[in-house]
Protein backbone atom coordinates (compact mmCIF):
# COMPACT_ATOMS: atom_id res chain seq x y z
CA MET A 1 -142.60 -55.64 121.75
CA LEU A 2 -141.45 -59.00 120.47
CA VAL A 3 -142.97 -58.34 117.06
CA LEU A 4 -141.27 -54.93 116.93
CA ALA A 5 -137.87 -56.41 117.79
CA VAL A 6 -138.18 -59.09 115.12
CA THR A 7 -139.22 -56.52 112.54
CA LEU A 8 -136.32 -54.21 113.45
CA THR A 9 -133.83 -57.09 113.24
CA ALA A 10 -135.10 -58.07 109.76
CA VAL A 11 -134.80 -54.50 108.47
CA LEU A 12 -131.25 -54.07 109.79
CA GLY A 13 -130.24 -57.45 108.33
CA ALA A 14 -131.58 -56.48 104.90
CA ARG A 15 -129.63 -53.20 104.98
CA THR A 16 -126.45 -55.06 105.92
CA LEU A 17 -126.85 -57.44 102.98
CA GLU A 18 -127.50 -54.54 100.61
CA GLY A 19 -124.36 -52.78 101.79
CA SER A 20 -122.20 -55.85 101.16
CA SER A 21 -123.32 -56.43 97.54
CA PRO A 22 -121.64 -54.59 94.65
CA ALA A 23 -123.93 -52.18 92.87
CA ALA A 24 -124.96 -53.32 89.41
CA GLY A 25 -124.54 -50.93 86.54
CA PRO A 26 -122.55 -50.11 83.42
CA SER A 27 -119.32 -49.71 85.37
CA SER A 28 -119.42 -53.40 86.31
CA GLU A 29 -119.65 -54.63 82.71
CA VAL A 30 -116.59 -55.96 80.90
CA VAL A 31 -116.65 -54.56 77.39
CA PRO A 32 -114.46 -56.49 74.93
CA THR A 33 -112.16 -54.64 72.57
CA VAL A 34 -112.52 -54.86 68.80
CA THR A 35 -109.77 -57.45 68.53
CA GLY A 36 -110.30 -59.14 71.86
CA SER A 37 -106.53 -59.24 72.18
CA SER A 38 -104.12 -57.93 74.75
CA VAL A 39 -101.46 -57.45 72.07
CA ASP A 40 -100.38 -53.85 71.87
CA PRO A 41 -98.42 -53.26 68.64
CA ASP A 42 -96.57 -50.04 69.39
CA HIS A 43 -95.17 -48.84 66.09
CA GLU A 44 -96.42 -47.14 62.95
CA PRO A 45 -97.12 -49.04 59.74
CA ASP A 46 -93.91 -49.87 57.88
CA GLY A 47 -92.07 -49.25 61.14
CA GLY A 48 -88.62 -47.76 61.30
CA PRO A 49 -85.31 -48.60 62.91
CA ASP A 50 -85.74 -51.21 65.64
CA ALA A 51 -89.48 -51.33 65.02
CA GLY A 52 -91.62 -54.21 66.17
CA PRO A 53 -95.10 -55.17 65.01
CA PRO A 54 -96.46 -52.01 63.37
CA ARG A 55 -99.47 -50.05 64.43
CA SER A 56 -101.67 -47.92 62.22
CA GLU A 57 -102.77 -45.68 65.06
CA GLY A 58 -99.19 -44.46 65.26
CA ALA A 59 -100.05 -42.17 62.38
CA SER A 60 -101.74 -38.92 63.29
CA GLY A 61 -104.80 -39.82 61.26
CA GLU A 62 -105.37 -36.22 60.18
CA GLY A 63 -107.44 -36.16 57.02
CA VAL A 64 -107.68 -39.94 56.70
CA GLY A 65 -109.94 -42.51 58.28
CA ALA A 66 -111.10 -46.09 58.06
CA GLY A 67 -112.21 -45.50 54.48
CA ASP A 68 -108.56 -44.85 53.60
CA GLY A 69 -107.43 -48.10 55.17
CA ARG A 70 -106.43 -46.66 58.53
CA LEU A 71 -106.94 -49.01 61.48
CA ALA A 72 -107.34 -47.59 64.97
CA SER A 73 -106.22 -50.93 66.40
CA ALA A 74 -105.16 -54.34 65.15
CA VAL A 75 -107.93 -56.62 63.83
CA THR A 76 -108.21 -60.31 63.07
CA VAL A 77 -107.98 -61.54 59.49
CA ASP A 78 -111.68 -62.41 59.41
CA ASP A 79 -112.89 -58.90 60.24
CA GLU A 80 -115.13 -57.71 57.39
CA ARG A 81 -115.76 -54.19 58.65
CA PHE A 82 -112.67 -52.41 57.42
CA PRO A 83 -111.46 -51.58 53.89
CA ALA A 84 -107.91 -52.26 55.09
CA LEU A 85 -108.89 -55.94 54.84
CA THR A 86 -111.79 -56.05 52.41
CA ARG A 87 -109.84 -54.18 49.72
CA LEU A 88 -106.84 -56.49 49.87
CA ASP A 89 -106.18 -58.65 46.83
CA PRO A 90 -108.64 -61.57 47.22
CA ALA A 91 -105.93 -64.19 46.67
CA LEU A 92 -103.75 -62.61 49.37
CA LEU A 93 -106.65 -62.42 51.81
CA ASP A 94 -107.63 -66.05 51.15
CA ALA A 95 -104.06 -67.24 51.74
CA LEU A 96 -103.81 -65.14 54.88
CA ARG A 97 -107.03 -66.54 56.30
CA GLU A 98 -106.06 -70.11 55.49
CA ALA A 99 -102.71 -69.65 57.22
CA ALA A 100 -104.36 -67.97 60.21
CA THR A 101 -106.78 -70.88 60.60
CA ASP A 102 -103.94 -73.39 60.60
CA ALA A 103 -101.82 -71.28 62.96
CA SER A 104 -104.68 -71.05 65.43
CA GLY A 105 -104.33 -74.79 65.99
CA SER A 106 -101.04 -74.10 67.75
CA GLY A 107 -102.48 -71.14 69.67
CA THR A 108 -101.12 -68.45 67.35
CA THR A 109 -103.36 -65.52 66.42
CA PHE A 110 -102.76 -63.27 63.41
CA LEU A 111 -103.53 -59.57 63.85
CA VAL A 112 -103.57 -57.21 60.90
CA THR A 113 -102.10 -53.83 61.73
CA SER A 114 -102.23 -52.44 58.20
CA GLY A 115 -103.42 -53.68 54.82
CA TRP A 116 -104.84 -51.80 51.87
CA ARG A 117 -104.25 -48.03 51.99
CA SER A 118 -105.51 -45.15 49.92
CA ARG A 119 -103.00 -43.00 48.08
CA ALA A 120 -103.75 -40.15 50.50
CA TYR A 121 -103.00 -42.33 53.52
CA GLN A 122 -99.78 -43.63 51.98
CA GLN A 123 -98.67 -40.09 51.18
CA GLN A 124 -99.34 -39.04 54.74
CA LEU A 125 -97.20 -41.90 56.06
CA LEU A 126 -94.43 -40.98 53.65
CA ASP A 127 -94.53 -37.33 54.68
CA GLN A 128 -94.30 -38.35 58.33
CA ALA A 129 -91.38 -40.65 57.58
CA VAL A 130 -89.48 -37.85 55.83
CA ALA A 131 -90.08 -35.61 58.82
CA THR A 132 -88.96 -38.34 61.20
CA TYR A 133 -85.86 -39.57 59.39
CA GLY A 134 -84.77 -36.24 57.92
CA SER A 135 -84.59 -37.10 54.23
CA GLU A 136 -86.50 -38.78 51.44
CA GLN A 137 -83.63 -41.22 50.98
CA GLU A 138 -83.80 -42.52 54.54
CA ALA A 139 -87.59 -42.50 54.58
CA ALA A 140 -87.60 -44.66 51.44
CA ARG A 141 -86.04 -47.48 53.47
CA TRP A 142 -89.30 -47.71 55.40
CA VAL A 143 -92.18 -46.18 53.47
CA ALA A 144 -92.93 -46.38 49.75
CA THR A 145 -94.54 -43.71 47.61
CA PRO A 146 -98.23 -43.95 46.72
CA GLU A 147 -97.17 -44.79 43.17
CA THR A 148 -95.09 -47.81 44.16
CA SER A 149 -96.52 -49.06 47.47
CA PRO A 150 -97.97 -52.59 47.36
CA HIS A 151 -100.29 -51.49 50.17
CA VAL A 152 -102.01 -49.06 47.81
CA SER A 153 -102.59 -51.85 45.30
CA GLY A 154 -103.86 -54.14 48.05
CA GLU A 155 -100.99 -56.57 47.64
CA ALA A 156 -99.32 -56.27 51.05
CA VAL A 157 -100.30 -56.73 54.66
CA ASP A 158 -98.57 -55.88 57.94
CA LEU A 159 -99.02 -58.39 60.75
CA GLY A 160 -98.35 -58.94 64.42
CA PRO A 161 -97.63 -60.02 67.07
CA ASP A 162 -94.16 -61.58 67.01
CA ALA A 163 -95.60 -65.08 67.41
CA ALA A 164 -97.57 -64.66 64.18
CA THR A 165 -94.61 -63.48 62.12
CA ALA A 166 -92.43 -66.20 63.63
CA TRP A 167 -95.03 -68.78 62.59
CA LEU A 168 -95.16 -67.34 59.06
CA SER A 169 -91.39 -67.23 58.74
CA GLU A 170 -91.44 -71.00 59.22
CA HIS A 171 -94.68 -71.98 57.49
CA GLY A 172 -95.70 -69.04 55.30
CA SER A 173 -94.28 -70.40 52.04
CA ARG A 174 -96.85 -73.23 52.13
CA TYR A 175 -99.48 -70.57 51.53
CA GLY A 176 -97.38 -68.37 49.25
CA LEU A 177 -96.94 -65.80 52.02
CA CYS A 178 -93.46 -64.32 52.09
CA GLN A 179 -91.57 -61.68 54.05
CA VAL A 180 -90.32 -59.32 51.35
CA TYR A 181 -88.00 -56.97 53.28
CA ALA A 182 -85.44 -58.05 55.85
CA ASN A 183 -85.93 -54.84 57.83
CA GLU A 184 -89.72 -55.32 57.99
CA PRO A 185 -90.50 -58.70 59.54
CA TRP A 186 -94.19 -57.76 59.74
CA HIS A 187 -94.62 -57.05 55.98
CA TYR A 188 -95.96 -59.98 53.93
CA GLU A 189 -96.95 -60.35 50.30
CA LEU A 190 -98.28 -63.19 48.20
CA ARG A 191 -95.76 -65.12 46.09
CA PRO A 192 -97.68 -68.08 44.59
CA ASP A 193 -94.50 -69.77 43.34
CA ALA A 194 -93.31 -70.06 46.92
CA VAL A 195 -95.71 -72.96 47.49
CA GLU A 196 -93.45 -75.15 45.33
CA HIS A 197 -90.13 -73.34 45.38
CA GLY A 198 -90.02 -71.53 48.71
CA CYS A 199 -89.92 -67.80 49.33
CA PRO A 200 -87.31 -65.74 47.48
CA THR A 201 -84.54 -64.06 49.43
CA SER A 202 -85.79 -60.91 51.14
CA TYR A 203 -84.51 -57.54 50.00
CA PRO A 204 -82.48 -55.74 52.68
CA ASP A 205 -85.05 -52.91 52.56
CA PRO A 206 -87.48 -51.42 50.03
CA THR A 207 -84.81 -49.33 48.30
CA HIS A 208 -83.38 -52.59 46.90
CA ASP A 209 -86.73 -53.64 45.44
CA PRO A 210 -86.90 -52.90 41.68
CA ARG A 211 -90.61 -52.15 42.01
CA MET A 212 -89.78 -49.14 44.19
CA GLN A 213 -87.74 -47.48 41.46
CA GLY A 214 -90.78 -46.26 39.53
C-alpha cells in the first residue's frame, strides 16, 4: 500500500507540472519582421497633403510587384533583396549607406519606403494621385510622370521615420544627400556639390522643378 501511494503521488505531481508549463510549438515563436522595426509609415510614396513618412504598400499593388520597385514594407538601406534598392544609382546608394552608418551611432535608423520604380509602377501611382486629388495639376504636386520621375531613373529615395529625415536635414549635405521638395520631407536625392556648398534651396513642390516640365 505504501508503494502504491508513493507511485500515485508521483504520477499526480508529474501531471500538475505538465499542466503548469506552456505548450511548445510554432505559436510560441517570435518571428521577426523583414525590417525588424516597429516603425509604421502610414502613407503612400510621394505622400500628399499632410503626409508623413511614405509607405509603398499604400498603393494597391495591382499589376506591379517587387520587380517593379514596390515594397510591401519599409526596409533598411543594406537590404539587397529588392530592386527598389539594388537598382538605385550606385553613388546615391553608397552615400545613403554611409549616412545611415553614421546616423546609427546616435541611435537613428534609416528605413527606405520607396526607391527605384518601374515606369508601370510610377504610372500607377500617378493614376491613383489623379483619382485622389481630382486633377492632373494637383496630382503633379505630389507624383511625377514616368518620363520625369527621378525614382524611375533610380536617382531618388523616400525615407522614414521622422528621426531619420530630421537627422538628414541637419547632416545630409555632408554626404550630398538633399531634400529636394519642401512638401516632401522624405524625398532625398544626391547633390554631390552639396558636400562643399550645402544643399540648394528646396522647391516648394515638384511643379516648380524644371526637370518636371518635360
